[in-house]
Amino acid sequence: MPQFVELFEVVRVSEMTSAQTKRLLHYFQQRAERHYEVTIEREALDIAYLLLSRFERQESFPGKAIKFLNHCLSDALLYQRAQVTQSHVIAEFVKRSGLPEIILRDDLLLDEQHLSEFFESRIIGQPQALTYIYQMIQLFKVGLNDPHKPISTLLFAGPTGVGKTACAHAIADYFFGQGQRRRPLIHLDMSEFQHPIHIERLLGARGQSAGRLVEQVRESPFSVILLDEIEKAHPVVFDVLLSVFDEGVLYDVFGRATYFYNTIIIMTSNLGVNQSRSMGFTSPSGNPFLEGVKAFFRPEFFNRIDNVIPFSALDQEQITLITRKELDEISSKIYSLWGQR
């Protein structure tokens, strides 16, 4: 009814400036002390503002700050604490996002030995792939990633069964596995999106619920999105993903925005596997799968991928190590089940 819409006047309410927001947070601090006898430290307000500014850009100030600090205040009242400190705010944000404290705090240096131990205990026989992952974590730690795009957009290329999916799980656990209740991995098999009509499974359709990708990212905005066997999807899916890679935003059929700013998008593929086995085949970057990937995707799609990470075939010794690792995990699960009985 266009006549109904014309009866209204649109009033745009702009976001508060940094100075206005901090002044409002100071009023919130005074109110907490006056009504609840809980002291909120100035450092706690500062770190809350910094964390929300960097990691929750899809919402605006002062609303997101008031909601977050109200949660911190409720937590202090629940556990009968007289103060909300900087460490309490950081701990609350860890539970909210799953991000490790070492990423959130600028005063803590990244422990490269701990980093390598974490991933090498999970991923065997892929040192080159892990080097790329360490670089991504280091860039994110110092805040050099583009804030208006996903944290990183990666393509894992290599033969089947060499650890591509396991690596995606490890990244999800490292980045977002510290406090979230849900597992921070959204896994989509792209062989289920081979026809144009299947785009509704991603975005949703009118008269139906939201699509799988949109719904899951809204529920878990801090997550790893694993698009398995990306080359099997219909080209229309690549067109939809272009806006995600480029702007970090995806609009559903109702025009509602879903933000991917705090996601890591990982695609897996077997593209280039046959070429990599050919005699003398090596790309200028030392990536044996790069030419196959570039030949398959359109340039505008390929150029929006941050890194094509190669996964090499495993030798007999590495396969034996992986087998022993899997058997040890099975044994641990069996013993734990028997212990519960």
C-alpha atoms as a PDB file:
ATOM      1  CA  MET A   1       0.000   0.000   0.000  1.00  0.00           C
ATOM      2  CA  PRO A   2       2.068   2.975  -1.236  1.00  0.00           C
ATOM      3  CA  GLN A   3      -0.480   5.410   0.224  1.00  0.00           C
ATOM      4  CA  PHE A   4       0.120   4.012   3.698  1.00  0.00           C
ATOM      5  CA  VAL A   5       3.897   4.443   3.406  1.00  0.00           C
ATOM      6  CA  GLU A   6       3.477   8.042   2.223  1.00  0.00           C
ATOM      7  CA  LEU A   7       1.821   8.947   5.546  1.00  0.00           C
ATOM      8  CA  PHE A   8       5.158   8.501   7.323  1.00  0.00           C
ATOM      9  CA  GLU A   9       8.280  10.610   7.421  1.00  0.00           C
ATOM     10  CA  VAL A  10      11.627   8.815   7.610  1.00  0.00           C
ATOM     11  CA  VAL A  11      13.864  10.133  10.381  1.00  0.00           C
ATOM     12  CA  ARG A  12      17.480   8.952  10.254  1.00  0.00           C
ATOM     13  CA  VAL A  13      19.145   8.532  13.640  1.00  0.00           C
ATOM     14  CA  SER A  14      22.925   8.624  13.303  1.00  0.00           C
ATOM     15  CA  GLU A  15      25.376   6.754  15.495  1.00  0.00           C
ATOM     16  CA  MET A  16      26.871   8.594  18.451  1.00  0.00           C
ATOM     17  CA  THR A  17      30.390   9.933  18.130  1.00  0.00           C
ATOM     18  CA  SER A  18      33.220   8.429  20.144  1.00  0.00           C
ATOM     19  CA  ALA A  19      33.164  11.315  22.642  1.00  0.00           C
ATOM     20  CA  GLN A  20      29.384  11.097  23.111  1.00  0.00           C
ATOM     21  CA  THR A  21      29.515   7.334  23.604  1.00  0.00           C
ATOM     22  CA  LYS A  22      32.262   7.543  26.217  1.00  0.00           C
ATOM     23  CA  ARG A  23      30.347  10.239  28.087  1.00  0.00           C
ATOM     24  CA  LEU A  24      27.253   8.025  28.110  1.00  0.00           C
ATOM     25  CA  LEU A  25      29.320   5.090  29.407  1.00  0.00           C
ATOM     26  CA  HIS A  26      30.525   7.334  32.217  1.00  0.00           C
ATOM     27  CA  TYR A  27      26.864   7.963  33.159  1.00  0.00           C
ATOM     28  CA  PHE A  28      26.287   4.200  33.077  1.00  0.00           C
ATOM     29  CA  GLN A  29      29.280   3.756  35.398  1.00  0.00           C
ATOM     30  CA  GLN A  30      27.838   6.279  37.882  1.00  0.00           C
ATOM     31  CA  ARG A  31      24.415   4.629  37.752  1.00  0.00           C
ATOM     32  CA  ALA A  32      25.884   1.189  38.483  1.00  0.00           C
ATOM     33  CA  GLU A  33      27.720   2.551  41.517  1.00  0.00           C
ATOM     34  CA  ARG A  34      24.688   4.465  42.791  1.00  0.00           C
ATOM     35  CA  HIS A  35      21.970   1.823  42.318  1.00  0.00           C
ATOM     36  CA  TYR A  36      23.849  -1.483  42.540  1.00  0.00           C
ATOM     37  CA  GLU A  37      26.943  -0.551  44.561  1.00  0.00           C
ATOM     38  CA  VAL A  38      29.149  -2.112  41.871  1.00  0.00           C
ATOM     39  CA  THR A  39      32.224  -0.193  40.734  1.00  0.00           C
ATOM     40  CA  ILE A  40      33.054  -0.317  37.034  1.00  0.00           C
ATOM     41  CA  GLU A  41      36.712   0.556  36.509  1.00  0.00           C
ATOM     42  CA  ARG A  42      37.605   3.155  33.900  1.00  0.00           C
ATOM     43  CA  GLU A  43      39.957   0.634  32.261  1.00  0.00           C
ATOM     44  CA  ALA A  44      37.021  -1.771  31.962  1.00  0.00           C
ATOM     45  CA  LEU A  45      35.009   0.856  30.064  1.00  0.00           C
ATOM     46  CA  ASP A  46      37.966   1.586  27.781  1.00  0.00           C
ATOM     47  CA  ILE A  47      38.635  -2.053  26.882  1.00  0.00           C
ATOM     48  CA  ALA A  48      34.911  -2.699  26.324  1.00  0.00           C
ATOM     49  CA  TYR A  49      34.752   0.212  23.892  1.00  0.00           C
ATOM     50  CA  LEU A  50      37.862  -0.979  22.027  1.00  0.00           C
ATOM     51  CA  LEU A  51      36.694  -4.598  21.744  1.00  0.00           C
ATOM     52  CA  LEU A  52      33.212  -3.668  20.570  1.00  0.00           C
ATOM     53  CA  SER A  53      34.619  -1.151  18.084  1.00  0.00           C
ATOM     54  CA  ARG A  54      36.877  -3.739  16.494  1.00  0.00           C
ATOM     55  CA  PHE A  55      34.866  -6.945  16.650  1.00  0.00           C
ATOM     56  CA  GLU A  56      31.185  -5.951  16.550  1.00  0.00           C
ATOM     57  CA  ARG A  57      31.001  -3.478  13.708  1.00  0.00           C
ATOM     58  CA  GLN A  58      27.614  -4.762  12.563  1.00  0.00           C
ATOM     59  CA  GLU A  59      25.970  -2.990  15.524  1.00  0.00           C
ATOM     60  CA  SER A  60      26.126   0.668  16.541  1.00  0.00           C
ATOM     61  CA  PHE A  61      27.077   2.625  19.621  1.00  0.00           C
ATOM     62  CA  PRO A  62      25.829   3.230  22.240  1.00  0.00           C
ATOM     63  CA  GLY A  63      23.384   0.314  22.079  1.00  0.00           C
ATOM     64  CA  LYS A  64      25.945  -2.464  21.775  1.00  0.00           C
ATOM     65  CA  ALA A  65      28.041  -1.026  24.612  1.00  0.00           C
ATOM     66  CA  ILE A  66      25.087  -0.670  26.993  1.00  0.00           C
ATOM     67  CA  LYS A  67      23.909  -4.228  26.279  1.00  0.00           C
ATOM     68  CA  PHE A  68      27.384  -5.656  26.798  1.00  0.00           C
ATOM     69  CA  LEU A  69      28.057  -3.712  30.025  1.00  0.00           C
ATOM     70  CA  ASN A  70      24.615  -4.622  31.369  1.00  0.00           C
ATOM     71  CA  HIS A  71      25.604  -8.258  30.887  1.00  0.00           C
ATOM     72  CA  CYS A  72      28.900  -7.667  32.729  1.00  0.00           C
ATOM     73  CA  LEU A  73      27.010  -5.899  35.523  1.00  0.00           C
ATOM     74  CA  SER A  74      24.487  -8.743  35.848  1.00  0.00           C
ATOM     75  CA  ASP A  75      27.369 -11.209  36.029  1.00  0.00           C
ATOM     76  CA  ALA A  76      28.984  -9.186  38.844  1.00  0.00           C
ATOM     77  CA  LEU A  77      25.714  -9.097  40.799  1.00  0.00           C
ATOM     78  CA  LEU A  78      25.185 -12.832  40.279  1.00  0.00           C
ATOM     79  CA  TYR A  79      28.601 -13.706  41.687  1.00  0.00           C
ATOM     80  CA  GLN A  80      28.488 -10.940  44.310  1.00  0.00           C
ATOM     81  CA  ARG A  81      31.483  -9.030  43.006  1.00  0.00           C
ATOM     82  CA  ALA A  82      31.905  -5.414  44.040  1.00  0.00           C
ATOM     83  CA  GLN A  83      33.860  -4.496  40.897  1.00  0.00           C
ATOM     84  CA  VAL A  84      33.815  -4.947  37.148  1.00  0.00           C
ATOM     85  CA  THR A  85      37.454  -4.908  36.107  1.00  0.00           C
ATOM     86  CA  GLN A  86      39.290  -4.999  32.803  1.00  0.00           C
ATOM     87  CA  SER A  87      39.943  -8.723  33.206  1.00  0.00           C
ATOM     88  CA  HIS A  88      36.216  -9.342  33.822  1.00  0.00           C
ATOM     89  CA  VAL A  89      35.316  -7.519  30.606  1.00  0.00           C
ATOM     90  CA  ILE A  90      37.874  -9.481  28.601  1.00  0.00           C
ATOM     91  CA  ALA A  91      36.670 -12.784  30.103  1.00  0.00           C
ATOM     92  CA  GLU A  92      33.084 -11.899  29.213  1.00  0.00           C
ATOM     93  CA  PHE A  93      34.067 -11.076  25.640  1.00  0.00           C
ATOM     94  CA  VAL A  94      35.962 -14.373  25.359  1.00  0.00           C
ATOM     95  CA  LYS A  95      32.748 -16.203  26.315  1.00  0.00           C
ATOM     96  CA  ARG A  96      30.784 -14.068  23.878  1.00  0.00           C
ATOM     97  CA  SER A  97      33.077 -14.504  20.856  1.00  0.00           C
ATOM     98  CA  GLY A  98      35.217 -17.574  21.539  1.00  0.00           C
ATOM     99  CA  LEU A  99      38.316 -15.546  20.638  1.00  0.00           C
ATOM    100  CA  PRO A 100      41.365 -16.387  22.767  1.00  0.00           C
ATOM    101  CA  GLU A 101      42.509 -13.782  25.268  1.00  0.00           C
ATOM    102  CA  ILE A 102      45.924 -13.505  23.595  1.00  0.00           C
ATOM    103  CA  ILE A 103      44.174 -12.154  20.459  1.00  0.00           C
ATOM    104  CA  LEU A 104      42.081  -9.635  22.388  1.00  0.00           C
ATOM    105  CA  ARG A 105      44.856  -8.149  24.515  1.00  0.00           C
ATOM    106  CA  ASP A 106      47.474  -5.898  22.948  1.00  0.00           C
ATOM    107  CA  ASP A 107      49.782  -6.293  25.954  1.00  0.00           C
ATOM    108  CA  LEU A 108      50.192 -10.036  25.323  1.00  0.00           C
ATOM    109  CA  LEU A 109      52.582 -11.217  22.619  1.00  0.00           C
ATOM    110  CA  LEU A 110      51.646 -14.119  20.390  1.00  0.00           C
ATOM    111  CA  ASP A 111      53.424 -17.250  21.591  1.00  0.00           C
ATOM    112  CA  GLU A 112      54.675 -18.783  18.347  1.00  0.00           C
ATOM    113  CA  GLN A 113      55.776 -21.986  20.058  1.00  0.00           C
ATOM    114  CA  HIS A 114      52.335 -22.550  21.565  1.00  0.00           C
ATOM    115  CA  LEU A 115      50.789 -21.729  18.190  1.00  0.00           C
ATOM    116  CA  SER A 116      52.883 -24.301  16.345  1.00  0.00           C
ATOM    117  CA  GLU A 117      52.340 -26.930  19.054  1.00  0.00           C
ATOM    118  CA  PHE A 118      48.571 -26.479  18.837  1.00  0.00           C
ATOM    119  CA  PHE A 119      48.365 -26.919  15.063  1.00  0.00           C
ATOM    120  CA  GLU A 120      51.130 -29.504  14.622  1.00  0.00           C
ATOM    121  CA  SER A 121      49.403 -31.743  17.172  1.00  0.00           C
ATOM    122  CA  ARG A 122      46.263 -31.597  15.013  1.00  0.00           C
ATOM    123  CA  ILE A 123      47.668 -31.434  11.447  1.00  0.00           C
ATOM    124  CA  ILE A 124      50.399 -33.824  10.319  1.00  0.00           C
ATOM    125  CA  GLY A 125      52.527 -33.545   7.191  1.00  0.00           C
ATOM    126  CA  GLN A 126      51.439 -30.058   6.005  1.00  0.00           C
ATOM    127  CA  PRO A 127      54.152 -27.601   7.124  1.00  0.00           C
ATOM    128  CA  GLN A 128      53.642 -25.283   4.136  1.00  0.00           C
ATOM    129  CA  ALA A 129      49.902 -24.972   4.794  1.00  0.00           C
ATOM    130  CA  LEU A 130      50.533 -24.250   8.483  1.00  0.00           C
ATOM    131  CA  THR A 131      52.955 -21.454   7.559  1.00  0.00           C
ATOM    132  CA  TYR A 132      50.144 -19.658   5.703  1.00  0.00           C
ATOM    133  CA  ILE A 133      47.834 -20.124   8.697  1.00  0.00           C
ATOM    134  CA  TYR A 134      50.408 -18.722  11.139  1.00  0.00           C
ATOM    135  CA  GLN A 135      50.757 -15.637   8.936  1.00  0.00           C
ATOM    136  CA  MET A 136      46.981 -15.135   8.905  1.00  0.00           C
ATOM    137  CA  ILE A 137      46.832 -15.337  12.716  1.00  0.00           C
ATOM    138  CA  GLN A 138      49.721 -12.900  13.095  1.00  0.00           C
ATOM    139  CA  LEU A 139      48.064 -10.354  10.774  1.00  0.00           C
ATOM    140  CA  PHE A 140      44.791 -10.648  12.662  1.00  0.00           C
ATOM    141  CA  LYS A 141      46.530 -10.305  16.011  1.00  0.00           C
ATOM    142  CA  VAL A 142      48.051  -6.925  15.039  1.00  0.00           C
ATOM    143  CA  GLY A 143      44.824  -5.774  13.352  1.00  0.00           C
ATOM    144  CA  LEU A 144      46.133  -5.558   9.780  1.00  0.00           C
ATOM    145  CA  ASN A 145      43.208  -7.425   8.228  1.00  0.00           C
ATOM    146  CA  ASP A 146      40.577  -5.413   6.361  1.00  0.00           C
ATOM    147  CA  PRO A 147      37.818  -4.636   8.937  1.00  0.00           C
ATOM    148  CA  HIS A 148      35.116  -4.489   6.240  1.00  0.00           C
ATOM    149  CA  LYS A 149      35.712  -8.001   4.912  1.00  0.00           C
ATOM    150  CA  PRO A 150      35.853 -11.479   6.441  1.00  0.00           C
ATOM    151  CA  ILE A 151      38.961 -12.062   8.568  1.00  0.00           C
ATOM    152  CA  SER A 152      40.352 -14.144   5.720  1.00  0.00           C
ATOM    153  CA  THR A 153      39.108 -15.941   2.613  1.00  0.00           C
ATOM    154  CA  LEU A 154      41.121 -19.095   1.925  1.00  0.00           C
ATOM    155  CA  LEU A 155      41.069 -21.921  -0.596  1.00  0.00           C
ATOM    156  CA  PHE A 156      42.558 -25.226   0.564  1.00  0.00           C
ATOM    157  CA  ALA A 157      43.671 -27.104  -2.563  1.00  0.00           C
ATOM    158  CA  GLY A 158      44.979 -30.647  -2.591  1.00  0.00           C
ATOM    159  CA  PRO A 159      44.119 -34.350  -2.858  1.00  0.00           C
ATOM    160  CA  THR A 160      41.287 -35.907  -0.886  1.00  0.00           C
ATOM    161  CA  GLY A 161      42.113 -37.105   2.626  1.00  0.00           C
ATOM    162  CA  VAL A 162      45.232 -35.051   3.362  1.00  0.00           C
ATOM    163  CA  GLY A 163      43.830 -32.885   6.168  1.00  0.00           C
ATOM    164  CA  LYS A 164      42.006 -29.949   4.574  1.00  0.00           C
ATOM    165  CA  THR A 165      38.830 -30.405   6.606  1.00  0.00           C
ATOM    166  CA  ALA A 166      40.779 -31.253   9.752  1.00  0.00           C
ATOM    167  CA  CYS A 167      42.731 -28.028   9.341  1.00  0.00           C
ATOM    168  CA  ALA A 168      39.490 -26.029   9.088  1.00  0.00           C
ATOM    169  CA  HIS A 169      38.323 -27.629  12.346  1.00  0.00           C
ATOM    170  CA  ALA A 170      41.633 -26.738  14.015  1.00  0.00           C
ATOM    171  CA  ILE A 171      41.370 -23.103  12.896  1.00  0.00           C
ATOM    172  CA  ALA A 172      37.799 -22.915  14.229  1.00  0.00           C
ATOM    173  CA  ASP A 173      38.875 -24.297  17.594  1.00  0.00           C
ATOM    174  CA  TYR A 174      41.843 -21.933  17.856  1.00  0.00           C
ATOM    175  CA  PHE A 175      40.045 -18.763  16.791  1.00  0.00           C
ATOM    176  CA  PHE A 176      36.562 -19.177  18.207  1.00  0.00           C
ATOM    177  CA  GLY A 177      36.591 -22.213  20.487  1.00  0.00           C
ATOM    178  CA  GLN A 178      37.387 -20.591  23.836  1.00  0.00           C
ATOM    179  CA  GLY A 179      33.936 -19.741  25.129  1.00  0.00           C
ATOM    180  CA  GLN A 180      31.132 -20.372  22.669  1.00  0.00           C
ATOM    181  CA  ARG A 181      28.552 -23.021  23.461  1.00  0.00           C
ATOM    182  CA  ARG A 182      28.002 -23.846  19.791  1.00  0.00           C
ATOM    183  CA  ARG A 183      30.787 -25.414  17.751  1.00  0.00           C
ATOM    184  CA  PRO A 184      32.228 -22.485  15.787  1.00  0.00           C
ATOM    185  CA  LEU A 185      32.273 -24.275  12.422  1.00  0.00           C
ATOM    186  CA  ILE A 186      29.608 -23.913   9.743  1.00  0.00           C
ATOM    187  CA  HIS A 187      30.068 -26.796   7.289  1.00  0.00           C
ATOM    188  CA  LEU A 188      28.321 -26.692   3.904  1.00  0.00           C
ATOM    189  CA  ASP A 189      28.750 -29.403   1.275  1.00  0.00           C
ATOM    190  CA  MET A 190      28.739 -27.448  -1.985  1.00  0.00           C
ATOM    191  CA  SER A 191      27.687 -30.514  -3.999  1.00  0.00           C
ATOM    192  CA  GLU A 192      24.205 -29.719  -2.616  1.00  0.00           C
ATOM    193  CA  PHE A 193      24.184 -26.429  -4.564  1.00  0.00           C
ATOM    194  CA  GLN A 194      24.633 -27.632  -8.154  1.00  0.00           C
ATOM    195  CA  HIS A 195      21.561 -25.904  -9.637  1.00  0.00           C
ATOM    196  CA  PRO A 196      20.462 -22.243  -9.662  1.00  0.00           C
ATOM    197  CA  ILE A 197      17.350 -22.986  -7.593  1.00  0.00           C
ATOM    198  CA  HIS A 198      19.570 -24.256  -4.784  1.00  0.00           C
ATOM    199  CA  ILE A 199      20.583 -20.680  -4.003  1.00  0.00           C
ATOM    200  CA  GLU A 200      17.443 -20.607  -1.851  1.00  0.00           C
ATOM    201  CA  ARG A 201      19.168 -23.049   0.494  1.00  0.00           C
ATOM    202  CA  LEU A 202      21.780 -20.367   1.161  1.00  0.00           C
ATOM    203  CA  LEU A 203      19.651 -17.218   1.218  1.00  0.00           C
ATOM    204  CA  GLY A 204      16.140 -18.474   1.891  1.00  0.00           C
ATOM    205  CA  ALA A 205      12.976 -17.850  -0.099  1.00  0.00           C
ATOM    206  CA  ARG A 206       9.892 -15.727   0.432  1.00  0.00           C
ATOM    207  CA  GLY A 207       7.363 -17.473   2.611  1.00  0.00           C
ATOM    208  CA  GLN A 208      10.088 -19.731   4.048  1.00  0.00           C
ATOM    209  CA  SER A 209      12.674 -19.497   6.781  1.00  0.00           C
ATOM    210  CA  ALA A 210      16.117 -17.990   6.219  1.00  0.00           C
ATOM    211  CA  GLY A 211      18.679 -19.968   4.225  1.00  0.00           C
ATOM    212  CA  ARG A 212      21.205 -22.195   5.933  1.00  0.00           C
ATOM    213  CA  LEU A 213      24.192 -19.906   5.496  1.00  0.00           C
ATOM    214  CA  VAL A 214      22.342 -16.751   6.525  1.00  0.00           C
ATOM    215  CA  GLU A 215      20.692 -18.380   9.521  1.00  0.00           C
ATOM    216  CA  GLN A 216      23.838 -20.021  10.868  1.00  0.00           C
ATOM    217  CA  VAL A 217      26.012 -16.907  10.535  1.00  0.00           C
ATOM    218  CA  ARG A 218      23.389 -14.853  12.375  1.00  0.00           C
ATOM    219  CA  GLU A 219      23.379 -17.415  15.171  1.00  0.00           C
ATOM    220  CA  SER A 220      27.199 -17.718  15.253  1.00  0.00           C
ATOM    221  CA  PRO A 221      28.748 -14.483  13.911  1.00  0.00           C
ATOM    222  CA  PHE A 222      32.166 -15.592  15.213  1.00  0.00           C
ATOM    223  CA  SER A 223      32.815 -18.743  13.203  1.00  0.00           C
ATOM    224  CA  VAL A 224      34.692 -20.548  10.446  1.00  0.00           C
ATOM    225  CA  ILE A 225      32.622 -21.202   7.319  1.00  0.00           C
ATOM    226  CA  LEU A 226      33.761 -24.339   5.496  1.00  0.00           C
ATOM    227  CA  LEU A 227      32.552 -24.570   1.888  1.00  0.00           C
ATOM    228  CA  ASP A 228      33.526 -28.126   0.999  1.00  0.00           C
ATOM    229  CA  GLU A 229      34.297 -28.989  -2.649  1.00  0.00           C
ATOM    230  CA  ILE A 230      33.549 -25.472  -3.826  1.00  0.00           C
ATOM    231  CA  GLU A 231      34.033 -26.313  -7.512  1.00  0.00           C
ATOM    232  CA  LYS A 232      30.854 -28.442  -7.466  1.00  0.00           C
ATOM    233  CA  ALA A 233      28.603 -25.438  -6.766  1.00  0.00           C
ATOM    234  CA  HIS A 234      26.694 -23.708  -9.564  1.00  0.00           C
ATOM    235  CA  PRO A 235      28.283 -20.458 -10.861  1.00  0.00           C
ATOM    236  CA  VAL A 236      25.357 -18.459  -9.442  1.00  0.00           C
ATOM    237  CA  VAL A 237      26.644 -19.408  -5.975  1.00  0.00           C
ATOM    238  CA  PHE A 238      30.007 -17.850  -6.852  1.00  0.00           C
ATOM    239  CA  ASP A 239      28.189 -14.641  -7.795  1.00  0.00           C
ATOM    240  CA  VAL A 240      26.507 -14.541  -4.389  1.00  0.00           C
ATOM    241  CA  LEU A 241      29.789 -15.179  -2.599  1.00  0.00           C
ATOM    242  CA  LEU A 242      31.480 -12.293  -4.431  1.00  0.00           C
ATOM    243  CA  SER A 243      29.698  -9.719  -2.281  1.00  0.00           C
ATOM    244  CA  VAL A 244      30.662 -11.633   0.868  1.00  0.00           C
ATOM    245  CA  PHE A 245      34.332 -11.763  -0.118  1.00  0.00           C
ATOM    246  CA  ASP A 246      34.404  -8.131  -1.202  1.00  0.00           C
ATOM    247  CA  GLU A 247      32.194  -6.368   1.365  1.00  0.00           C
ATOM    248  CA  GLY A 248      31.657  -8.884   4.169  1.00  0.00           C
ATOM    249  CA  VAL A 249      27.862  -8.549   3.828  1.00  0.00           C
ATOM    250  CA  LEU A 250      25.186 -10.820   2.378  1.00  0.00           C
ATOM    251  CA  TYR A 251      21.580  -9.726   1.804  1.00  0.00           C
ATOM    252  CA  ASP A 252      18.775 -12.278   1.931  1.00  0.00           C
ATOM    253  CA  VAL A 253      15.581 -12.240  -0.143  1.00  0.00           C
ATOM    254  CA  PHE A 254      14.011  -9.738   2.275  1.00  0.00           C
ATOM    255  CA  GLY A 255      16.927  -7.305   1.996  1.00  0.00           C
ATOM    256  CA  ARG A 256      18.185  -8.016   5.518  1.00  0.00           C
ATOM    257  CA  ALA A 257      21.949  -7.846   5.948  1.00  0.00           C
ATOM    258  CA  THR A 258      24.048 -10.627   7.430  1.00  0.00           C
ATOM    259  CA  TYR A 259      27.598  -9.611   8.369  1.00  0.00           C
ATOM    260  CA  PHE A 260      30.642 -11.827   7.858  1.00  0.00           C
ATOM    261  CA  TYR A 261      33.213  -9.490   9.439  1.00  0.00           C
ATOM    262  CA  ASN A 262      34.109 -12.007  12.164  1.00  0.00           C
ATOM    263  CA  THR A 263      34.205 -15.118  10.013  1.00  0.00           C
ATOM    264  CA  ILE A 264      36.991 -17.019   8.281  1.00  0.00           C
ATOM    265  CA  ILE A 265      35.798 -18.467   4.975  1.00  0.00           C
ATOM    266  CA  ILE A 266      37.560 -21.653   3.924  1.00  0.00           C
ATOM    267  CA  MET A 267      36.847 -23.388   0.621  1.00  0.00           C
ATOM    268  CA  THR A 268      38.245 -26.820  -0.175  1.00  0.00           C
ATOM    269  CA  SER A 269      38.929 -28.150  -3.662  1.00  0.00           C
ATOM    270  CA  ASN A 270      40.716 -30.854  -5.647  1.00  0.00           C
ATOM    271  CA  LEU A 271      41.382 -28.445  -8.513  1.00  0.00           C
ATOM    272  CA  GLY A 272      44.868 -28.737  -9.954  1.00  0.00           C
ATOM    273  CA  VAL A 273      45.616 -32.134  -8.401  1.00  0.00           C
ATOM    274  CA  ASN A 274      46.270 -33.805 -11.774  1.00  0.00           C
ATOM    275  CA  GLN A 275      48.490 -30.939 -12.956  1.00  0.00           C
ATOM    276  CA  SER A 276      50.512 -31.005  -9.729  1.00  0.00           C
ATOM    277  CA  ARG A 277      51.499 -34.614 -10.456  1.00  0.00           C
ATOM    278  CA  SER A 278      52.845 -33.723 -13.886  1.00  0.00           C
ATOM    279  CA  MET A 279      56.588 -33.627 -14.438  1.00  0.00           C
ATOM    280  CA  GLY A 280      58.130 -30.211 -13.887  1.00  0.00           C
ATOM    281  CA  PHE A 281      54.878 -28.419 -13.026  1.00  0.00           C
ATOM    282  CA  THR A 282      55.420 -25.583 -10.568  1.00  0.00           C
ATOM    283  CA  SER A 283      53.725 -22.179 -10.393  1.00  0.00           C
ATOM    284  CA  PRO A 284      55.850 -19.045  -9.898  1.00  0.00           C
ATOM    285  CA  SER A 285      54.697 -18.867  -6.258  1.00  0.00           C
ATOM    286  CA  GLY A 286      55.690 -22.470  -5.577  1.00  0.00           C
ATOM    287  CA  ASN A 287      52.008 -23.453  -5.314  1.00  0.00           C
ATOM    288  CA  PRO A 288      51.418 -26.555  -7.491  1.00  0.00           C
ATOM    289  CA  PHE A 289      47.611 -26.099  -7.559  1.00  0.00           C
ATOM    290  CA  LEU A 290      47.470 -22.413  -8.413  1.00  0.00           C
ATOM    291  CA  GLU A 291      47.166 -22.770 -12.195  1.00  0.00           C
ATOM    292  CA  GLY A 292      44.279 -25.231 -11.940  1.00  0.00           C
ATOM    293  CA  VAL A 293      42.408 -22.934  -9.569  1.00  0.00           C
ATOM    294  CA  LYS A 294      42.993 -19.860 -11.754  1.00  0.00           C
ATOM    295  CA  ALA A 295      41.807 -21.741 -14.843  1.00  0.00           C
ATOM    296  CA  PHE A 296      38.542 -22.776 -13.173  1.00  0.00           C
ATOM    297  CA  PHE A 297      37.351 -19.575 -11.472  1.00  0.00           C
ATOM    298  CA  ARG A 298      36.570 -16.256 -13.128  1.00  0.00           C
ATOM    299  CA  PRO A 299      39.247 -13.603 -12.445  1.00  0.00           C
ATOM    300  CA  GLU A 300      36.898 -11.454 -10.326  1.00  0.00           C
ATOM    301  CA  PHE A 301      36.236 -14.444  -8.044  1.00  0.00           C
ATOM    302  CA  PHE A 302      39.818 -15.675  -7.909  1.00  0.00           C
ATOM    303  CA  ASN A 303      41.195 -12.194  -7.131  1.00  0.00           C
ATOM    304  CA  ARG A 304      39.045 -11.977  -4.000  1.00  0.00           C
ATOM    305  CA  ILE A 305      40.616 -15.085  -2.461  1.00  0.00           C
ATOM    306  CA  ASP A 306      43.298 -14.044   0.029  1.00  0.00           C
ATOM    307  CA  ASN A 307      45.358 -17.228  -0.257  1.00  0.00           C
ATOM    308  CA  VAL A 308      45.301 -20.505  -2.161  1.00  0.00           C
ATOM    309  CA  ILE A 309      46.907 -22.862   0.365  1.00  0.00           C
ATOM    310  CA  PRO A 310      48.414 -26.086  -1.020  1.00  0.00           C
ATOM    311  CA  PHE A 311      48.022 -29.428   0.778  1.00  0.00           C
ATOM    312  CA  SER A 312      50.470 -32.077  -0.392  1.00  0.00           C
ATOM    313  CA  ALA A 313      49.988 -35.844  -0.565  1.00  0.00           C
ATOM    314  CA  LEU A 314      51.041 -37.776   2.559  1.00  0.00           C
ATOM    315  CA  ASP A 315      53.835 -40.344   2.672  1.00  0.00           C
ATOM    316  CA  GLN A 316      53.720 -43.699   4.478  1.00  0.00           C
ATOM    317  CA  GLU A 317      55.299 -42.381   7.688  1.00  0.00           C
ATOM    318  CA  GLN A 318      52.819 -39.496   7.954  1.00  0.00           C
ATOM    319  CA  ILE A 319      49.866 -41.805   7.313  1.00  0.00           C
ATOM    320  CA  THR A 320      51.111 -44.073  10.108  1.00  0.00           C
ATOM    321  CA  LEU A 321      51.339 -41.116  12.518  1.00  0.00           C
ATOM    322  CA  ILE A 322      47.805 -40.017  11.650  1.00  0.00           C
ATOM    323  CA  THR A 323      46.492 -43.556  12.109  1.00  0.00           C
ATOM    324  CA  ARG A 324      48.088 -43.818  15.541  1.00  0.00           C
ATOM    325  CA  LYS A 325      46.683 -40.414  16.497  1.00  0.00           C
ATOM    326  CA  GLU A 326      43.155 -41.420  15.468  1.00  0.00           C
ATOM    327  CA  LEU A 327      43.422 -44.748  17.330  1.00  0.00           C
ATOM    328  CA  ASP A 328      44.609 -42.936  20.472  1.00  0.00           C
ATOM    329  CA  GLU A 329      41.594 -40.608  20.276  1.00  0.00           C
ATOM    330  CA  ILE A 330      39.235 -43.564  19.853  1.00  0.00           C
ATOM    331  CA  SER A 331      40.831 -45.294  22.843  1.00  0.00           C
ATOM    332  CA  SER A 332      40.422 -42.142  24.956  1.00  0.00           C
ATOM    333  CA  LYS A 333      36.731 -41.919  24.063  1.00  0.00           C
ATOM    334  CA  ILE A 334      36.176 -45.594  24.914  1.00  0.00           C
ATOM    335  CA  TYR A 335      37.939 -45.241  28.274  1.00  0.00           C
ATOM    336  CA  SER A 336      35.952 -42.120  29.115  1.00  0.00           C
ATOM    337  CA  LEU A 337      32.669 -43.879  28.276  1.00  0.00           C
ATOM    338  CA  TRP A 338      33.582 -46.857  30.448  1.00  0.00           C
ATOM    339  CA  GLY A 339      34.630 -44.489  33.224  1.00  0.00           C
ATOM    340  CA  GLN A 340      31.216 -42.823  33.154  1.00  0.00           C
ATOM    341  CA  ARG A 341      29.556 -46.220  33.553  1.00  0.00           C
END
